[in-house]
Amino acid sequence: MLGIVSHASPLSAALLAQPALWRGSGLARVAAPSLTTGFPALDAELPGGGWPTAGLTEILPAHEGIGELRLLGPALASLSAAGKRLAWIAPPHRPYAPALAAAGIDLASLIIVKARTAQKTLWAAEQALASRACGAVLAWPGAVTYSELRRLQLAAEASRVLAVLFRPRQAAGESSPAVLRIALGAAAGGLAVHILKRRGAPLDHPVFLPAVLPAMAASSTRVHNHAVDFSAPAGTAARSAAARFTAA
């Protein structure tokens, strides 16, 4: 005969201590220390109090330049200050050096990887994660399948670094193995952060953040959301970034 395990029993306490298990009303425990986002309101809604460092994060902006890089600015600055390399793989626009420096990011920490296809972008991201030579790996792959996402999620779990994939907003309706999925929209001069998926109880309202940093990429387009985006001439982009590689 099976008995009911009391919540106070050693067995239930051991189970609840497992990172893969959590109460339906709370947030999951984390297997590796999280990295603060720099925004207390957002940290309060994320397992471990920040960005996961043992799992894949997906950011789905309403449009490019809405503030997706500013959202990561404080975390990237802290990693840069700790001497960590920051890999940007197939970014749609060249990083904007003055804004990066203003955000506290050392340009010498940047590694820019050019990749011609989504598959090569994902391959380069997986290699960067496997190397454990970077504090953060950011990638813009475009179209991607679930199996490819699963492979990258496994690499992120093993890497213990900040792993971020930027995907179009339309991907919100697709299934994903990422441990954290965030959609971004504009709101009153700042950002409305919709947490689509997290390890823990669902969040039914957005987190509102002010606009605090200038844009970090020089857009080749002239489409602006003036409440959020601050474009700069492409000629002033980060020519002094540490390295540029092309994924063959």
Protein backbone atom coordinates (compact mmCIF):
# COMPACT_ATOMS: atom_id res chain seq x y z
CA MET A 1 0.00 0.00 0.00
CA LEU A 2 1.35 3.38 -0.99
CA GLY A 3 1.41 6.05 1.65
CA ILE A 4 1.12 9.80 1.20
CA VAL A 5 4.42 11.59 1.62
CA SER A 6 4.16 14.47 4.07
CA HIS A 7 5.52 17.84 2.92
CA ALA A 8 7.60 17.82 6.10
CA SER A 9 9.25 14.45 5.37
CA PRO A 10 12.95 14.22 4.49
CA LEU A 11 12.01 12.65 1.14
CA SER A 12 9.75 15.51 0.09
CA ALA A 13 12.35 18.06 1.23
CA ALA A 14 14.99 16.30 -0.86
CA LEU A 15 12.70 16.27 -3.89
CA LEU A 16 11.85 19.96 -3.58
CA ALA A 17 15.57 20.75 -3.39
CA GLN A 18 16.06 19.37 -6.90
CA PRO A 19 16.45 22.14 -9.53
CA ALA A 20 14.20 20.27 -11.97
CA LEU A 21 11.27 20.28 -9.52
CA TRP A 22 9.36 23.21 -8.07
CA ARG A 23 6.07 24.05 -6.44
CA GLY A 24 3.35 25.16 -8.84
CA SER A 25 3.03 28.48 -7.04
CA GLY A 26 6.73 29.40 -6.98
CA LEU A 27 9.92 29.65 -9.01
CA ALA A 28 12.30 26.79 -9.62
CA ARG A 29 15.63 26.40 -7.89
CA VAL A 30 18.63 26.80 -10.16
CA ALA A 31 21.52 24.39 -10.72
CA ALA A 32 24.03 27.20 -11.38
CA PRO A 33 24.15 30.77 -10.01
CA SER A 34 22.04 33.18 -12.05
CA LEU A 35 23.42 36.45 -13.40
CA THR A 36 21.55 39.54 -12.27
CA THR A 37 19.84 41.42 -15.10
CA GLY A 38 20.54 44.74 -13.42
CA PHE A 39 16.78 45.37 -13.19
CA PRO A 40 15.40 44.39 -9.75
CA ALA A 41 11.81 44.13 -11.00
CA LEU A 42 12.87 41.60 -13.63
CA ASP A 43 15.23 39.71 -11.30
CA ALA A 44 12.32 39.18 -8.92
CA GLU A 45 10.44 37.25 -11.60
CA LEU A 46 13.28 34.99 -12.71
CA PRO A 47 14.40 31.73 -11.07
CA GLY A 48 17.62 32.37 -9.18
CA GLY A 49 17.10 36.13 -9.42
CA GLY A 50 18.54 36.71 -12.88
CA TRP A 51 19.57 35.33 -16.28
CA PRO A 52 20.17 31.57 -16.29
CA THR A 53 23.77 30.46 -16.75
CA ALA A 54 23.02 26.78 -17.30
CA GLY A 55 20.32 26.96 -19.94
CA LEU A 56 19.24 28.70 -23.10
CA THR A 57 17.43 32.05 -23.04
CA GLU A 58 15.36 33.21 -26.00
CA ILE A 59 14.59 36.90 -26.52
CA LEU A 60 11.83 37.70 -29.01
CA PRO A 61 11.65 41.46 -29.73
CA ALA A 62 8.66 43.05 -31.47
CA HIS A 63 11.22 44.47 -33.90
CA GLU A 64 14.99 44.85 -34.11
CA GLY A 65 16.41 47.61 -31.95
CA ILE A 66 13.49 47.84 -29.54
CA GLY A 67 15.89 47.42 -26.63
CA GLU A 68 16.95 43.78 -26.67
CA LEU A 69 20.62 44.63 -26.26
CA ARG A 70 19.97 47.31 -23.65
CA LEU A 71 18.13 44.66 -21.65
CA LEU A 72 21.34 42.62 -21.59
CA GLY A 73 23.60 45.65 -21.08
CA PRO A 74 24.13 45.42 -17.28
CA ALA A 75 24.83 41.67 -17.41
CA LEU A 76 27.26 42.04 -20.31
CA ALA A 77 29.02 44.90 -18.53
CA SER A 78 29.49 42.81 -15.39
CA LEU A 79 30.90 39.92 -17.41
CA SER A 80 33.22 42.27 -19.28
CA ALA A 81 34.42 43.79 -16.01
CA ALA A 82 35.24 40.29 -14.80
CA GLY A 83 37.47 39.76 -17.84
CA LYS A 84 35.03 37.48 -19.67
CA ARG A 85 34.80 37.35 -23.46
CA LEU A 86 31.49 38.17 -25.13
CA ALA A 87 30.74 36.30 -28.35
CA TRP A 88 28.23 37.90 -30.74
CA ILE A 89 27.40 35.43 -33.50
CA ALA A 90 25.81 36.70 -36.73
CA PRO A 91 24.37 39.94 -35.31
CA PRO A 92 22.09 41.67 -37.87
CA HIS A 93 23.96 44.97 -37.47
CA ARG A 94 27.43 45.99 -36.44
CA PRO A 95 27.88 46.68 -32.70
CA TYR A 96 27.91 50.41 -31.94
CA ALA A 97 31.16 51.03 -30.11
CA PRO A 98 30.36 54.33 -28.29
CA ALA A 99 27.17 52.89 -26.76
CA LEU A 100 28.94 49.69 -25.72
CA ALA A 101 31.65 51.70 -24.00
CA ALA A 102 29.03 53.94 -22.34
CA ALA A 103 27.34 50.80 -21.01
CA GLY A 104 30.60 49.71 -19.37
CA ILE A 105 31.49 47.01 -21.89
CA ASP A 106 35.16 46.70 -22.77
CA LEU A 107 35.44 46.49 -26.56
CA ALA A 108 38.47 44.23 -26.19
CA SER A 109 36.15 41.59 -24.74
CA LEU A 110 34.05 41.38 -27.90
CA ILE A 111 34.33 38.54 -30.39
CA ILE A 112 32.23 39.11 -33.50
CA VAL A 113 31.53 35.98 -35.56
CA LYS A 114 30.15 36.29 -39.08
CA ALA A 115 28.11 33.32 -40.28
CA ARG A 116 26.42 32.98 -43.67
CA THR A 117 23.58 30.62 -42.74
CA ALA A 118 21.40 29.73 -39.76
CA GLN A 119 23.07 26.33 -39.50
CA LYS A 120 26.54 27.89 -39.39
CA THR A 121 25.35 30.39 -36.81
CA LEU A 122 24.09 27.58 -34.58
CA TRP A 123 27.27 25.58 -35.13
CA ALA A 124 29.40 28.58 -34.13
CA ALA A 125 27.24 29.17 -31.05
CA GLU A 126 27.56 25.54 -30.00
CA GLN A 127 31.33 25.66 -30.42
CA ALA A 128 31.58 28.89 -28.41
CA LEU A 129 29.54 27.33 -25.60
CA ALA A 130 31.55 24.11 -25.65
CA SER A 131 34.83 26.03 -25.45
CA ARG A 132 33.82 27.64 -22.13
CA ALA A 133 36.07 30.51 -23.14
CA CYS A 134 33.26 33.08 -23.09
CA GLY A 135 31.15 34.60 -20.37
CA ALA A 136 28.26 35.14 -22.77
CA VAL A 137 27.26 33.78 -26.18
CA LEU A 138 24.69 35.79 -28.13
CA ALA A 139 23.38 34.47 -31.47
CA TRP A 140 20.95 35.57 -34.17
CA PRO A 141 20.25 32.41 -36.20
CA GLY A 142 17.05 33.26 -38.07
CA ALA A 143 15.03 30.14 -38.87
CA VAL A 144 15.76 27.24 -36.52
CA THR A 145 14.20 23.83 -35.85
CA TYR A 146 13.25 22.31 -32.50
CA SER A 147 16.00 19.69 -32.77
CA GLU A 148 18.58 22.42 -33.38
CA LEU A 149 17.28 24.34 -30.38
CA ARG A 150 17.46 21.20 -28.28
CA ARG A 151 21.08 20.69 -29.25
CA LEU A 152 21.91 24.27 -28.30
CA GLN A 153 20.00 23.95 -25.02
CA LEU A 154 22.10 20.93 -24.07
CA ALA A 155 25.28 22.84 -24.93
CA ALA A 156 24.07 25.76 -22.80
CA GLU A 157 23.34 23.47 -19.85
CA ALA A 158 26.89 22.15 -19.92
CA SER A 159 28.56 25.52 -20.47
CA ARG A 160 27.45 27.40 -17.33
CA VAL A 161 27.57 30.72 -19.22
CA LEU A 162 24.94 33.22 -20.39
CA ALA A 163 23.52 31.81 -23.64
CA VAL A 164 21.03 33.99 -25.52
CA LEU A 165 19.25 33.37 -28.80
CA PHE A 166 17.45 36.24 -30.56
CA ARG A 167 14.42 35.09 -32.55
CA PRO A 168 11.53 36.87 -34.29
CA ARG A 169 8.37 37.57 -32.29
CA GLN A 170 6.42 35.12 -34.48
CA ALA A 171 8.41 32.29 -32.91
CA ALA A 172 6.51 32.82 -29.64
CA GLY A 173 3.91 30.30 -30.75
CA GLU A 174 6.47 27.59 -31.44
CA SER A 175 7.58 24.97 -28.96
CA SER A 176 11.10 25.46 -27.56
CA PRO A 177 13.34 23.66 -25.03
CA ALA A 178 14.81 26.98 -23.84
CA VAL A 179 14.53 27.42 -20.07
CA LEU A 180 13.59 31.10 -20.41
CA ARG A 181 11.65 32.82 -23.20
CA ILE A 182 11.02 36.57 -23.16
CA ALA A 183 9.05 38.73 -25.61
CA LEU A 184 9.71 42.47 -25.75
CA GLY A 185 7.38 45.33 -26.60
CA ALA A 186 7.55 49.11 -26.27
CA ALA A 187 5.80 50.77 -23.34
CA ALA A 188 5.87 54.43 -22.20
CA GLY A 189 9.43 55.08 -23.35
CA GLY A 190 10.72 51.78 -21.98
CA LEU A 191 10.19 48.07 -22.35
CA ALA A 192 7.32 45.72 -21.62
CA VAL A 193 8.96 42.38 -20.83
CA HIS A 194 6.59 39.44 -21.29
CA ILE A 195 7.93 36.24 -19.71
CA LEU A 196 6.52 33.55 -22.00
CA LYS A 197 8.30 30.67 -20.29
CA ARG A 198 10.27 30.25 -17.10
CA ARG A 199 10.91 27.37 -14.74
CA GLY A 200 8.17 28.01 -12.26
CA ALA A 201 4.69 29.48 -12.04
CA PRO A 202 3.47 31.35 -15.15
CA LEU A 203 3.48 35.15 -15.08
CA ASP A 204 0.30 36.67 -16.48
CA HIS A 205 1.45 40.29 -16.64
CA PRO A 206 4.46 42.04 -18.22
CA VAL A 207 7.35 43.55 -16.30
CA PHE A 208 7.82 47.22 -17.22
CA LEU A 209 11.36 48.59 -17.43
CA PRO A 210 12.54 52.14 -18.17
CA ALA A 211 14.82 52.95 -21.09
CA VAL A 212 18.23 53.34 -19.46
CA LEU A 213 20.90 52.79 -22.09
CA PRO A 214 21.51 53.93 -25.69
CA ALA A 215 21.20 51.38 -28.49
CA MET A 216 24.22 49.11 -28.94
CA ALA A 217 23.88 48.36 -32.65
CA ALA A 218 24.01 50.70 -35.62
CA SER A 219 20.98 49.82 -37.73
CA SER A 220 21.27 49.80 -41.50
CA THR A 221 17.57 50.74 -41.69
CA ARG A 222 15.80 53.97 -40.88
CA VAL A 223 12.91 52.45 -39.00
CA HIS A 224 12.76 54.03 -35.55
CA ASN A 225 10.74 53.78 -32.41
CA HIS A 226 11.85 57.11 -31.01
CA ALA A 227 10.71 56.24 -27.51
CA VAL A 228 13.17 53.37 -27.37
CA ASP A 229 15.68 53.43 -30.21
CA PHE A 230 18.60 55.78 -30.73
CA SER A 231 20.23 55.01 -34.09
CA ALA A 232 23.72 56.12 -35.05
CA PRO A 233 25.59 56.32 -38.36
CA ALA A 234 26.85 52.91 -39.42
CA GLY A 235 30.29 54.35 -40.07
CA THR A 236 30.86 54.77 -36.34
CA ALA A 237 30.24 51.12 -35.58
CA ALA A 238 32.65 49.05 -33.57
CA ARG A 239 35.66 48.75 -35.86
CA SER A 240 37.83 48.21 -32.80
CA ALA A 241 36.09 45.04 -31.61
CA ALA A 242 38.58 42.41 -30.52
CA ALA A 243 38.14 39.99 -33.39
CA ARG A 244 35.96 39.05 -36.35
CA PHE A 245 35.74 35.51 -37.59
CA THR A 246 33.75 33.99 -40.44
CA ALA A 247 32.14 30.60 -39.87
CA ALA A 248 33.09 28.52 -42.87
